[in-house]
Protein backbone atom coordinates (compact mmCIF):
# COMPACT_ATOMS: atom_id res chain seq x y z
CA MET A 1 12.69 -15.63 -7.59
CA ASP A 2 16.26 -14.60 -8.56
CA ALA A 3 16.07 -10.88 -9.44
CA ARG A 4 19.66 -10.72 -10.75
CA GLY A 5 20.26 -9.99 -14.41
CA LEU A 6 22.58 -12.03 -16.66
CA ALA A 7 25.51 -9.66 -16.05
CA ALA A 8 25.06 -9.95 -12.27
CA ARG A 9 24.94 -13.75 -12.49
CA LEU A 10 28.10 -13.75 -14.59
CA HIS A 11 29.69 -11.37 -12.08
CA ASP A 12 28.99 -13.85 -9.25
CA LEU A 13 30.60 -16.84 -10.99
CA PRO A 14 33.98 -18.20 -9.85
CA ALA A 15 37.00 -16.37 -11.27
CA LEU A 16 38.00 -18.77 -14.08
CA PRO A 17 34.61 -19.27 -15.79
CA ARG A 18 33.83 -15.58 -15.29
CA ARG A 19 37.04 -14.47 -17.02
CA ILE A 20 36.55 -16.94 -19.88
CA LEU A 21 33.02 -15.69 -20.52
CA ILE A 22 34.03 -12.02 -20.33
CA ALA A 23 36.83 -12.70 -22.81
CA ALA A 24 34.33 -14.45 -25.08
CA LEU A 25 32.05 -11.41 -24.91
CA ILE A 26 34.90 -9.06 -25.88
CA VAL A 27 35.89 -11.32 -28.82
CA ALA A 28 32.23 -11.52 -29.86
CA ALA A 29 31.97 -7.74 -29.71
CA ILE A 30 34.95 -7.36 -32.07
CA GLY A 31 33.39 -9.90 -34.43
CA VAL A 32 30.09 -8.05 -34.40
CA ALA A 33 31.94 -4.77 -35.03
CA ARG A 34 33.79 -6.21 -38.04
CA LEU A 35 30.53 -7.61 -39.38
CA SER A 36 28.66 -4.33 -39.02
CA LEU A 37 31.49 -2.41 -40.70
CA SER A 38 32.38 -4.75 -43.53
CA ALA A 39 29.27 -6.74 -44.30
CA ILE A 40 26.40 -4.50 -43.27
CA SER A 41 27.82 -1.05 -44.04
CA PRO A 42 30.61 -1.54 -46.61
CA ASP A 43 29.97 1.72 -48.47
CA ALA A 44 28.51 3.86 -45.67
CA PRO A 45 30.71 6.48 -44.00
CA ILE A 46 29.57 5.16 -40.62
CA ALA A 47 28.00 1.89 -39.46
CA LEU A 48 24.26 1.51 -39.86
CA TRP A 49 24.27 0.32 -36.25
CA TRP A 50 27.00 -0.34 -33.68
CA PRO A 51 25.79 -3.34 -31.59
CA ALA A 52 29.35 -4.08 -30.49
CA ILE A 53 29.17 -1.36 -27.84
CA GLY A 54 26.22 -3.13 -26.20
CA VAL A 55 28.19 -6.38 -25.98
CA LEU A 56 31.20 -4.55 -24.54
CA PHE A 57 28.88 -2.96 -21.95
CA PHE A 58 27.79 -6.48 -20.98
CA ALA A 59 31.43 -7.56 -20.53
CA VAL A 60 32.47 -4.60 -18.36
CA LEU A 61 29.29 -4.76 -16.26
CA ALA A 62 29.96 -8.45 -15.48
CA SER A 63 33.55 -7.81 -14.33
CA ARG A 64 34.62 -7.37 -10.73
CA GLY A 65 36.77 -4.85 -8.89
CA ARG A 66 36.88 -1.36 -10.33
CA ARG A 67 36.32 -2.71 -13.82
CA LEU A 68 39.30 -0.66 -15.06
CA ALA A 69 41.24 -3.76 -16.08
CA VAL A 70 38.45 -5.03 -18.32
CA SER A 71 37.95 -1.53 -19.70
CA GLY A 72 41.65 -1.53 -20.60
CA VAL A 73 41.20 -4.85 -22.41
CA VAL A 74 38.23 -3.31 -24.25
CA ALA A 75 40.43 -0.39 -25.35
CA VAL A 76 43.10 -2.74 -26.70
CA ALA A 77 40.58 -5.02 -28.43
CA VAL A 78 38.74 -2.16 -30.13
CA ALA A 79 42.02 -0.59 -31.21
CA VAL A 80 43.26 -3.88 -32.68
CA GLY A 81 39.93 -4.44 -34.41
CA ASN A 82 39.99 -1.01 -36.00
CA TYR A 83 43.65 -1.36 -37.05
CA LEU A 84 43.02 -4.75 -38.66
CA GLY A 85 40.00 -3.20 -40.36
CA GLY A 86 42.23 -0.71 -42.14
CA GLN A 87 42.17 2.31 -39.83
CA PRO A 88 45.41 4.19 -39.14
CA LEU A 89 47.20 3.19 -35.95
CA GLU A 90 46.76 6.50 -34.13
CA LEU A 91 43.06 6.68 -35.03
CA SER A 92 42.58 3.04 -33.97
CA LEU A 93 44.18 3.79 -30.61
CA ALA A 94 41.95 6.84 -30.15
CA TYR A 95 38.82 4.86 -31.02
CA GLY A 96 39.80 2.08 -28.62
CA LEU A 97 40.39 4.55 -25.79
CA THR A 98 37.15 6.50 -26.32
CA ASN A 99 35.06 3.31 -26.54
CA ALA A 100 36.59 2.03 -23.30
CA ILE A 101 35.96 5.36 -21.56
CA GLU A 102 32.36 5.38 -22.77
CA VAL A 103 31.58 1.89 -21.48
CA TRP A 104 33.32 2.51 -18.15
CA ILE A 105 31.42 5.79 -17.61
CA VAL A 106 28.05 4.16 -18.37
CA VAL A 107 28.75 1.25 -16.02
CA ARG A 108 30.10 3.52 -13.27
CA ILE A 109 27.07 5.83 -13.29
CA LEU A 110 24.65 2.93 -13.58
CA THR A 111 26.05 0.90 -10.68
CA GLY A 112 27.18 3.81 -8.52
CA GLY A 113 30.26 1.77 -7.68
CA ALA A 114 28.20 -1.23 -6.47
CA ALA A 115 28.74 -4.79 -7.63
CA HIS A 116 25.40 -5.09 -9.41
CA ALA A 117 23.01 -2.78 -11.22
CA ARG A 118 19.34 -3.31 -10.46
CA PHE A 119 16.85 -2.99 -13.30
CA THR A 120 13.40 -3.68 -11.89
CA THR A 121 11.83 -0.26 -11.29
CA LEU A 122 11.17 2.82 -13.37
CA THR A 123 13.68 4.79 -11.28
CA GLN A 124 16.44 2.26 -12.01
CA ILE A 125 15.60 2.28 -15.71
CA GLY A 126 15.75 6.07 -15.66
CA ARG A 127 19.23 5.83 -14.13
CA PHE A 128 20.25 3.55 -16.98
CA LEU A 129 19.01 6.03 -19.58
CA ILE A 130 20.84 8.89 -17.86
CA SER A 131 24.09 6.89 -17.71
CA VAL A 132 23.81 6.08 -21.43
CA ALA A 133 23.12 9.72 -22.26
CA VAL A 134 26.18 10.91 -20.33
CA GLY A 135 28.46 8.16 -21.66
CA THR A 136 27.50 8.49 -25.33
CA LEU A 137 27.70 12.29 -25.22
CA LEU A 138 31.21 12.20 -23.75
CA PHE A 139 32.24 9.49 -26.22
CA ALA A 140 30.87 11.45 -29.17
CA ILE A 141 32.73 14.59 -28.12
CA LEU A 142 36.05 12.77 -27.61
CA THR A 143 35.77 10.67 -30.76
CA ALA A 144 34.67 13.58 -32.94
CA GLY A 145 37.63 15.59 -31.66
CA ALA A 146 40.02 12.72 -32.39
CA ALA A 147 38.56 12.22 -35.88
CA ALA A 148 38.86 15.93 -36.63
CA LEU A 149 42.49 16.11 -35.48
CA LEU A 150 43.73 12.84 -36.95
CA ALA A 151 41.55 12.41 -40.05
CA GLY A 152 40.16 15.88 -40.80
CA ALA A 153 36.53 14.78 -40.32
CA GLU A 154 33.67 17.16 -39.63
CA PRO A 155 33.22 17.02 -35.81
CA ALA A 156 29.51 17.89 -35.75
CA LEU A 157 28.57 15.21 -38.29
CA VAL A 158 30.69 12.56 -36.56
CA ALA A 159 29.35 13.40 -33.09
CA SER A 160 25.66 13.40 -34.13
CA SER A 161 26.05 10.07 -35.92
CA LEU A 162 27.90 8.42 -33.04
CA ILE A 163 25.39 9.53 -30.39
CA THR A 164 22.39 7.89 -32.09
CA SER A 165 24.37 4.81 -33.15
CA HIS A 166 25.76 4.04 -29.71
CA ALA A 167 22.66 5.10 -27.75
CA SER A 168 20.45 2.82 -29.84
CA ALA A 169 22.85 -0.08 -29.20
CA PHE A 170 22.90 0.56 -25.45
CA PHE A 171 19.10 0.83 -25.28
CA ALA A 172 18.52 -2.31 -27.35
CA ILE A 173 21.24 -4.64 -26.04
CA GLY A 174 21.85 -3.31 -22.51
CA PRO A 175 18.61 -4.72 -21.03
CA LEU A 176 19.74 -8.25 -22.01
CA ALA A 177 22.52 -7.86 -19.45
CA LEU A 178 20.34 -6.25 -16.80
CA VAL A 179 16.89 -7.87 -16.67
CA SER A 180 16.28 -11.09 -14.78
CA PRO A 181 15.40 -14.16 -16.87
CA SER A 182 13.60 -15.62 -13.84
CA ILE A 183 10.59 -13.28 -13.77
CA PRO A 184 7.59 -15.58 -14.30
CA LEU A 185 4.92 -15.25 -16.95
CA ARG A 186 1.80 -13.67 -15.42
CA VAL A 187 -0.44 -13.94 -18.49
CA PRO A 188 -1.99 -16.89 -20.34
CA ALA A 189 0.54 -19.02 -22.23
CA TRP A 190 -0.99 -18.15 -25.61
CA GLU A 191 -0.50 -14.39 -25.19
CA PRO A 192 3.31 -14.26 -25.73
CA LEU A 193 2.90 -16.34 -28.90
CA VAL A 194 0.15 -14.11 -30.29
CA GLN A 195 2.08 -10.94 -29.40
CA THR A 196 5.28 -12.26 -31.02
CA LEU A 197 3.42 -13.26 -34.20
CA ALA A 198 1.81 -9.83 -34.34
CA LEU A 199 5.23 -8.17 -33.94
CA VAL A 200 6.73 -10.33 -36.71
CA PHE A 201 3.75 -9.65 -38.98
CA LEU A 202 3.97 -5.87 -38.58
CA THR A 203 7.75 -5.93 -39.07
CA VAL A 204 7.36 -7.89 -42.31
CA VAL A 205 4.59 -5.58 -43.50
CA VAL A 206 6.59 -2.42 -42.77
CA PHE A 207 9.99 -3.59 -44.15
CA ALA A 208 9.19 -6.24 -46.75
CA LEU A 209 6.46 -4.16 -48.38
CA ALA A 210 8.64 -1.04 -48.24
CA GLY A 211 6.03 1.13 -46.57
CA GLY A 212 6.58 4.77 -45.84
CA LEU A 213 8.56 5.98 -42.84
CA ALA A 214 5.35 6.85 -40.99
CA LEU A 215 4.33 3.18 -41.03
CA THR A 216 7.44 2.13 -39.11
CA PHE A 217 5.85 3.29 -35.87
CA LEU A 218 3.03 0.77 -36.25
CA ILE A 219 5.49 -1.72 -34.79
CA ILE A 220 5.70 0.16 -31.49
CA THR A 221 2.09 -0.68 -30.61
CA THR A 222 2.81 -4.40 -30.48
CA LEU A 223 6.12 -3.84 -28.71
CA MET A 224 4.33 -1.81 -26.02
CA TRP A 225 1.83 -4.64 -25.63
CA GLY A 226 4.72 -6.97 -24.80
CA ALA A 227 6.44 -4.41 -22.54
CA TYR A 228 3.27 -4.02 -20.48
CA ARG A 229 2.22 -7.65 -20.25
CA LEU A 230 5.22 -9.94 -20.73
CA PRO A 231 8.39 -10.60 -18.70
CA PRO A 232 11.17 -8.04 -19.33
CA MET A 233 13.55 -10.63 -20.81
CA THR A 234 11.02 -11.48 -23.53
CA VAL A 235 10.70 -7.83 -24.47
CA ALA A 236 14.49 -7.35 -24.40
CA LEU A 237 14.96 -10.25 -26.84
CA GLN A 238 12.21 -8.89 -29.10
CA THR A 239 13.83 -5.43 -29.10
CA VAL A 240 17.23 -6.86 -30.12
CA ALA A 241 15.58 -9.00 -32.82
CA LEU A 242 13.72 -5.95 -34.14
CA ALA A 243 16.94 -3.90 -34.24
CA VAL A 244 18.83 -6.66 -36.09
CA ALA A 245 15.97 -7.21 -38.56
CA ALA A 246 15.65 -3.49 -39.30
CA THR A 247 19.42 -3.14 -39.78
CA LEU A 248 19.74 -6.20 -42.06
CA ALA A 249 16.73 -5.15 -44.11
CA THR A 250 18.14 -1.68 -44.61
CA ALA A 251 21.62 -3.05 -45.46
CA THR A 252 20.14 -5.31 -48.13
CA GLY A 253 18.06 -2.51 -49.63
CA ILE A 254 14.71 -3.50 -48.12
CA GLY A 255 12.33 -1.30 -46.14
CA PRO A 256 11.55 2.39 -45.77
CA PHE A 257 15.03 3.36 -44.56
CA ALA A 258 16.70 1.72 -47.57
CA LEU A 259 14.76 4.01 -49.90
CA LEU A 260 16.72 6.96 -48.51
CA LEU A 261 20.20 5.44 -48.85
CA ASP A 262 20.64 6.53 -52.48
CA THR A 263 19.56 10.13 -51.88
CA ASP A 264 20.39 10.86 -48.24
CA GLN A 265 22.72 8.24 -46.81
CA ARG A 266 23.37 9.97 -43.53
CA GLY A 267 19.67 10.76 -43.09
CA ALA A 268 18.75 7.12 -43.71
CA ILE A 269 21.27 5.87 -41.15
CA PHE A 270 20.17 8.49 -38.62
CA ALA A 271 16.49 7.55 -39.15
CA LEU A 272 17.26 3.85 -38.66
CA GLN A 273 19.20 4.49 -35.46
CA LEU A 274 16.48 6.81 -34.18
CA PHE A 275 13.91 4.08 -34.95
CA ILE A 276 15.87 1.54 -32.89
CA MET A 277 16.53 3.98 -30.07
CA THR A 278 12.94 5.21 -29.67
CA HIS A 279 11.43 1.72 -29.80
CA ALA A 280 13.94 0.37 -27.28
CA ALA A 281 13.60 3.35 -24.91
CA ALA A 282 9.79 3.23 -25.05
CA ALA A 283 9.83 -0.49 -24.29
CA LEU A 284 12.12 0.15 -21.33
CA PHE A 285 9.87 2.81 -19.82
CA VAL A 286 6.67 0.82 -20.28
CA SER A 287 8.28 -2.34 -18.92
CA GLY A 288 9.59 -0.42 -15.90
CA GLN A 289 6.22 1.14 -15.21
CA SER A 290 4.53 -2.25 -15.52
CA SER A 291 7.08 -3.71 -13.11
CA ASP A 292 6.38 -0.92 -10.61
CA TRP A 293 2.66 -1.53 -10.87
CA ASN A 294 3.07 -5.28 -10.44
CA THR A 295 5.36 -4.77 -7.44
CA ALA A 296 2.90 -2.33 -5.85
CA ALA A 297 -0.02 -4.68 -6.54
CA GLU A 298 1.86 -7.63 -5.00
CA ALA A 299 2.81 -5.54 -1.96
CA LEU A 300 -0.79 -4.43 -1.49
CA ALA A 301 -2.02 -8.00 -1.90
CA THR A 302 0.52 -9.19 0.67
CA ARG A 303 -0.50 -6.46 3.11
CA GLU A 304 -4.15 -7.30 2.57
CA ARG A 305 -3.49 -10.98 3.25
CA ASP A 306 -1.48 -10.11 6.35
CA ALA A 307 -4.19 -7.72 7.55
CA THR A 308 -6.85 -10.38 6.97
CA LEU A 309 -4.84 -12.93 8.93
CA VAL A 310 -4.29 -10.48 11.78
CA ALA A 311 -7.98 -9.55 11.78
CA ASP A 312 -8.98 -13.22 11.89
CA GLU A 313 -6.56 -13.85 14.74
CA LEU A 314 -7.89 -10.84 16.63
CA LEU A 315 -11.46 -12.01 16.10
CA GLN A 316 -10.53 -15.45 17.40
CA LEU A 317 -8.75 -13.97 20.40
CA ASN A 318 -11.70 -11.67 21.07
CA ALA A 319 -14.10 -14.61 20.86
CA GLN A 320 -11.90 -16.65 23.18
CA LYS A 321 -11.73 -13.73 25.60
CA ASP A 322 -15.52 -13.32 25.58
CA ASP A 323 -16.01 -17.05 26.05
CA PHE A 324 -13.56 -17.05 28.94
CA ILE A 325 -15.14 -14.03 30.65
CA SER A 326 -18.61 -15.45 30.14
CA ALA A 327 -17.61 -18.85 31.55
CA VAL A 328 -15.88 -17.29 34.56
CA SER A 329 -18.82 -14.96 35.20
CA HIS A 330 -21.28 -17.82 35.08
CA GLU A 331 -19.16 -19.76 37.53
CA LEU A 332 -18.95 -16.75 39.85
CA ARG A 333 -22.66 -15.95 39.72
CA THR A 334 -23.75 -18.88 41.93
CA PRO A 335 -21.30 -18.37 44.83
CA VAL A 336 -21.77 -14.57 44.72
CA THR A 337 -25.54 -15.02 44.82
CA SER A 338 -25.14 -17.26 47.89
CA ILE A 339 -22.87 -14.71 49.56
CA LEU A 340 -25.35 -11.93 48.76
CA GLY A 341 -28.24 -13.92 50.17
CA PHE A 342 -26.51 -14.62 53.48
CA ALA A 343 -25.23 -11.02 53.61
CA GLU A 344 -28.82 -9.77 53.32
CA GLN A 345 -29.74 -11.95 56.28
CA LEU A 346 -26.89 -10.43 58.26
CA VAL A 347 -28.10 -6.92 57.38
CA ASP A 348 -31.64 -7.75 58.50
CA ALA A 349 -30.51 -9.51 61.69
CA ASP A 350 -30.24 -7.84 65.12
CA LEU A 351 -26.48 -7.86 65.64
CA ASP A 352 -23.98 -5.97 67.70
CA PRO A 353 -22.66 -2.78 66.01
CA GLU A 354 -19.32 -4.27 64.97
CA THR A 355 -20.87 -7.38 63.41
CA ASP A 356 -23.65 -5.30 61.83
CA GLN A 357 -21.03 -3.06 60.14
CA ALA A 358 -19.14 -6.09 58.85
CA GLY A 359 -22.38 -7.56 57.46
CA ARG A 360 -23.23 -4.33 55.67
CA ILE A 361 -19.72 -4.15 54.13
CA ILE A 362 -20.06 -7.75 52.96
CA HIS A 363 -23.51 -7.02 51.52
CA ARG A 364 -22.39 -3.83 49.76
CA ASN A 365 -19.37 -5.43 48.13
CA ALA A 366 -21.25 -8.61 47.24
CA ARG A 367 -23.89 -6.43 45.54
CA ARG A 368 -21.17 -4.55 43.67
CA LEU A 369 -19.57 -7.83 42.55
CA ALA A 370 -22.95 -9.20 41.46
CA ASP A 371 -23.59 -6.05 39.39
CA VAL A 372 -20.18 -6.40 37.71
CA ILE A 373 -20.92 -10.03 36.85
CA GLU A 374 -24.28 -9.08 35.36
CA ASP A 375 -22.64 -6.32 33.32
CA VAL A 376 -20.00 -8.69 31.97
CA LEU A 377 -22.61 -11.30 31.07
CA GLU A 378 -24.74 -8.65 29.37
CA LEU A 379 -21.75 -7.47 27.32
CA SER A 380 -20.98 -11.07 26.41
CA ARG A 381 -24.53 -11.57 25.14
CA LEU A 382 -24.37 -8.32 23.16
CA SER A 383 -20.97 -9.24 21.64
CA THR A 384 -22.37 -12.49 20.27
CA SER A 385 -25.43 -10.68 18.84
CA GLU A 386 -27.63 -12.70 21.16
CA GLY A 387 -31.10 -11.19 21.06
CA SER A 388 -33.32 -10.48 24.01
CA THR A 389 -35.37 -13.39 25.28
CA ARG A 390 -38.36 -11.09 25.82
CA PRO A 391 -40.55 -9.87 22.96
CA PRO A 392 -41.27 -6.13 22.62
CA ALA A 393 -44.46 -4.80 24.22
CA ASP A 394 -46.40 -1.54 24.50
CA LEU A 395 -44.85 0.64 27.21
CA ASP A 396 -45.39 4.07 28.67
CA LEU A 397 -41.95 5.65 28.40
CA ARG A 398 -42.92 8.46 30.76
CA GLU A 399 -43.83 5.95 33.50
CA LEU A 400 -40.72 3.87 32.81
CA LEU A 401 -38.47 6.94 33.27
CA ASP A 402 -40.30 7.87 36.50
CA ASN A 403 -39.71 4.41 37.91
CA CYS A 404 -36.02 4.41 36.86
CA ILE A 405 -35.50 7.77 38.59
CA ASP A 406 -37.17 6.59 41.78
CA ASP A 407 -35.25 3.33 41.86
CA THR A 408 -31.92 5.07 41.26
CA LEU A 409 -32.49 7.79 43.85
CA ILE A 410 -32.84 5.15 46.54
CA LEU A 411 -29.19 4.22 46.03
CA VAL A 412 -27.95 7.78 46.58
CA PRO A 413 -26.97 8.57 50.18
CA ALA A 414 -29.39 11.11 51.67
CA ALA A 415 -26.46 13.18 52.93
CA ARG A 416 -25.49 14.11 49.37
CA ALA A 417 -28.91 15.70 48.75
CA VAL A 418 -28.76 15.23 44.96
CA THR A 419 -32.12 15.95 43.31
CA VAL A 420 -33.60 14.99 39.94
CA GLU A 421 -35.62 17.51 37.96
CA ARG A 422 -38.16 15.70 35.76
CA ARG A 423 -39.16 17.37 32.53
CA LEU A 424 -41.62 14.80 31.34
CA PRO A 425 -44.90 15.19 29.40
CA ASP A 426 -48.15 15.23 31.34
CA GLU A 427 -49.67 12.53 29.14
CA PRO A 428 -48.43 8.97 28.66
CA VAL A 429 -45.86 8.45 25.88
CA MET A 430 -46.50 5.04 24.36
CA ILE A 431 -43.74 3.10 22.62
CA HIS A 432 -43.22 -0.48 21.48
CA GLY A 433 -40.04 -1.87 23.00
CA ILE A 434 -38.37 -4.30 25.40
CA GLU A 435 -38.73 -3.04 28.94
CA PRO A 436 -35.62 -4.65 30.54
CA ASP A 437 -33.36 -3.20 27.84
CA LEU A 438 -34.80 0.30 28.25
CA VAL A 439 -34.64 0.09 32.04
CA ARG A 440 -31.00 -0.97 31.92
CA VAL A 441 -30.09 1.90 29.57
CA PHE A 442 -31.72 4.64 31.62
CA SER A 443 -30.72 3.16 34.98
CA ASN A 444 -27.05 3.08 33.93
CA LEU A 445 -27.17 6.67 32.67
CA LEU A 446 -28.99 7.93 35.76
CA THR A 447 -26.60 6.08 38.04
CA ASN A 448 -23.64 7.77 36.35
CA ALA A 449 -25.29 11.19 36.49
CA LEU A 450 -26.10 10.84 40.21
CA LYS A 451 -22.68 9.38 41.14
CA PHE A 452 -20.73 12.19 39.52
CA SER A 453 -23.04 15.04 40.53
CA PRO A 454 -21.75 17.15 43.43
CA ALA A 455 -23.55 17.32 46.78
CA GLU A 456 -26.81 19.26 46.45
CA GLY A 457 -26.45 19.07 42.67
CA THR A 458 -29.30 18.61 40.22
CA VAL A 459 -29.79 16.06 37.46
CA VAL A 460 -32.26 17.04 34.74
CA VAL A 461 -34.16 14.33 32.84
CA THR A 462 -36.00 15.55 29.73
CA LEU A 463 -38.30 13.54 27.49
CA ASP A 464 -38.93 15.14 24.09
CA ALA A 465 -41.79 13.32 22.34
CA PRO A 466 -43.21 15.25 19.35
CA PRO A 467 -46.58 13.69 18.48
CA ALA A 468 -45.89 13.46 14.75
CA SER A 469 -42.36 12.06 15.08
CA ALA A 470 -41.41 8.40 14.96
CA TRP A 471 -38.44 9.17 17.23
CA LEU A 472 -38.18 10.18 20.88
CA ASP A 473 -35.29 11.88 22.66
CA VAL A 474 -34.40 11.31 26.30
CA ARG A 475 -31.81 13.74 27.62
CA ILE A 476 -29.96 13.47 30.95
CA ASP A 477 -27.89 16.44 32.13
CA ASP A 478 -25.71 16.43 35.22
CA GLU A 479 -23.50 18.94 37.02
CA GLY A 480 -20.51 16.62 37.43
CA PRO A 481 -16.85 17.33 36.62
CA GLY A 482 -17.34 16.94 32.87
CA ILE A 483 -15.48 14.69 30.45
CA PRO A 484 -12.37 16.00 28.65
CA LEU A 485 -12.87 16.37 24.91
CA ALA A 486 -10.02 13.98 24.13
CA GLU A 487 -11.67 11.18 26.13
CA GLN A 488 -15.31 11.54 25.08
CA GLU A 489 -15.09 8.76 22.49
CA ALA A 490 -12.97 6.50 24.67
CA VAL A 491 -15.60 6.35 27.45
CA TRP A 492 -17.65 4.02 25.22
CA GLU A 493 -14.88 1.41 25.35
CA ARG A 494 -15.04 -1.44 27.82
CA PHE A 495 -13.40 -0.88 31.22
CA TYR A 496 -12.28 2.63 30.30
CA ARG A 497 -12.30 5.19 33.12
CA VAL A 498 -11.74 8.92 32.62
CA GLN A 499 -8.24 9.75 33.82
CA THR A 500 -8.93 12.70 36.11
CA PRO A 501 -8.83 12.74 39.93
CA GLN A 502 -12.56 13.61 40.18
CA HIS A 503 -13.51 10.55 38.12
CA ARG A 504 -11.02 8.15 39.71
CA ASP A 505 -12.43 8.93 43.14
CA VAL A 506 -15.87 7.62 42.09
CA PRO A 507 -16.11 3.80 42.11
CA GLY A 508 -16.99 2.07 38.85
CA THR A 509 -15.92 -0.60 36.35
CA GLY A 510 -16.15 1.26 33.05
CA LEU A 511 -18.83 -1.12 31.72
CA GLY A 512 -21.97 1.03 32.06
CA LEU A 513 -21.60 3.19 28.95
CA PRO A 514 -20.45 0.34 26.66
CA ILE A 515 -23.56 -1.59 27.70
CA VAL A 516 -25.73 1.48 27.05
CA ARG A 517 -24.35 1.97 23.53
CA ALA A 518 -24.61 -1.72 22.65
CA LEU A 519 -28.20 -1.95 23.88
CA VAL A 520 -29.31 1.27 22.16
CA GLU A 521 -27.67 0.54 18.82
CA HIS A 522 -27.99 -3.25 18.58
CA ARG A 523 -31.17 -4.06 20.46
CA ILE A 524 -33.30 -0.92 20.54
CA GLY A 525 -32.31 0.41 17.13
CA GLY A 526 -31.53 3.97 18.18
CA GLN A 527 -28.60 6.28 18.84
CA VAL A 528 -26.82 7.60 21.89
CA ALA A 529 -24.54 10.64 22.02
CA LEU A 530 -22.55 12.31 24.77
CA SER A 531 -21.31 15.89 25.03
CA SER A 532 -19.39 17.91 27.58
CA ASP A 533 -17.26 21.03 27.61
CA GLY A 534 -14.70 19.06 29.61
CA VAL A 535 -14.99 21.38 32.62
CA ALA A 536 -18.40 20.95 34.21
CA GLY A 537 -21.47 18.96 33.35
CA THR A 538 -22.22 16.14 30.91
CA SER A 539 -25.23 15.64 28.65
CA VAL A 540 -26.32 12.33 27.20
CA VAL A 541 -29.08 12.08 24.57
CA VAL A 542 -30.72 8.76 23.74
CA ARG A 543 -32.81 8.66 20.56
CA ILE A 544 -35.16 5.68 20.34
CA PRO A 545 -37.96 4.71 17.95
CA ARG A 546 -41.60 4.57 19.01
CA SER A 547 -41.62 1.09 17.50
CA PRO A 548 -38.95 -1.15 15.90
CA LEU A 549 -38.05 0.32 12.49
CA SER A 550 -35.83 -0.72 9.61
CA ILE A 551 -34.81 2.85 8.78
CA ALA A 552 -31.85 4.61 10.35
CA PRO A 553 -32.59 7.34 12.89
CA PRO A 554 -31.96 10.92 11.81
CA THR A 555 -28.65 12.48 12.79
CA GLN A 556 -28.76 14.21 16.13
CA SER A 557 -26.45 16.54 17.97
CA ALA A 558 -26.01 16.26 21.70
CA ALA A 559 -24.27 19.61 22.00
CA ARG A 560 -26.92 22.13 22.92
């Protein structure tokens, strides 16, 4: 979509057609000025409306370079027009110069010296309004001073009349030069027609039926409808048409403003110009705000689409990664199992010390590799939401924890002398669950606690099973190096290892805790939480249901 306005498109034309069109605009402006002075306001002390200044603004804005040359042409043309219209030569020259200065100031402030003026956001529209305010105020002061010196006019009356006359022309006609005609229609095709008919109807009612001045502002409701919903060029054309219709009606004695011409001519003209200015300015602000909203909505929609595409790509990559790891792990399982089997035979065989040591190293590392493969396969199954192949059964959680502790202690070298303190109920604690999943959870947690505990340290296993509660808590406390606060959430990520020397010295893959969380939350239906002061000791609390439930477990705190 081409966001350039008509003035910017004229500015970018080749030199010859651009100069011809700018000259045509200046000639048209002089014609409009003569018409407004002689035909529309023959008996008024000032013009009912001064649309010529809006056309001259269009011409200067479309010019290139510093625009001073075209502004000079504007000064000459306005001076000639005024002189031919019967004004004294010196006053005509003054009017030509002040009009040229006004247009050049407005264009200079609006563009900031750039080639084009943008007109798509509320901020840019605000800049336009400020430039018009500064230009018309300076013009009114200079022109009123010239009129007072050369014609004896009252400066205050001249200045107040000129400000509203020229500002209303800038506000009504200026957007035609600035808004892009290429902005598409975003509403149903019938809506512009209905809105235009409503605007015409209200204009006819207000002016043809000669309603009171208060009724004139009924028209603004329909104009705001168009400013909010329709392309800016449509609203700009409607604003110009409204200004022309109101001016012609008043000049021919029709409408609420015409009723004042006989009693308060200046008041009637001022009211008409204020009507044009307020309607045009309101349409500009609403149109700018609507444009900002549409731009923001399109940007958000684009970001959402981009985020969705990225998320889909990441999901695909993650699925491909899981498929690859699963396939590789399956392929490795068979040869590793064979290596492990033969390594066990070497361990059990009567060999010389050197060969026996080599066999034990092979067996130990083959076992470690087999455990890693099983962990990766388990994570792959959990990632694909693959359920357990075993149905839940009635289990004694107290006995299950006892067995997990015994099995894990076997793997701890006797020289380290790490002990496990069991704080378990005396009576069986029956639950309904899947035994392999529970065993894997508690075995992983116990293995971590025993690995990181110092020599002669103690691991405490506590089972809290209130008789009336549907939830059970299993707590495992160790005396290891602790987990830094900044890393306590990261340890649940796959392959993450705590970045301290004490942790790096302990072998591991960083898969145990991710498997624990996935099993507890996705299979068992419970919660798991970890806490540590980051200096010494780590506590892990696993909350599990006595039987599979559809309700969420109550919030727990692991920091005790």
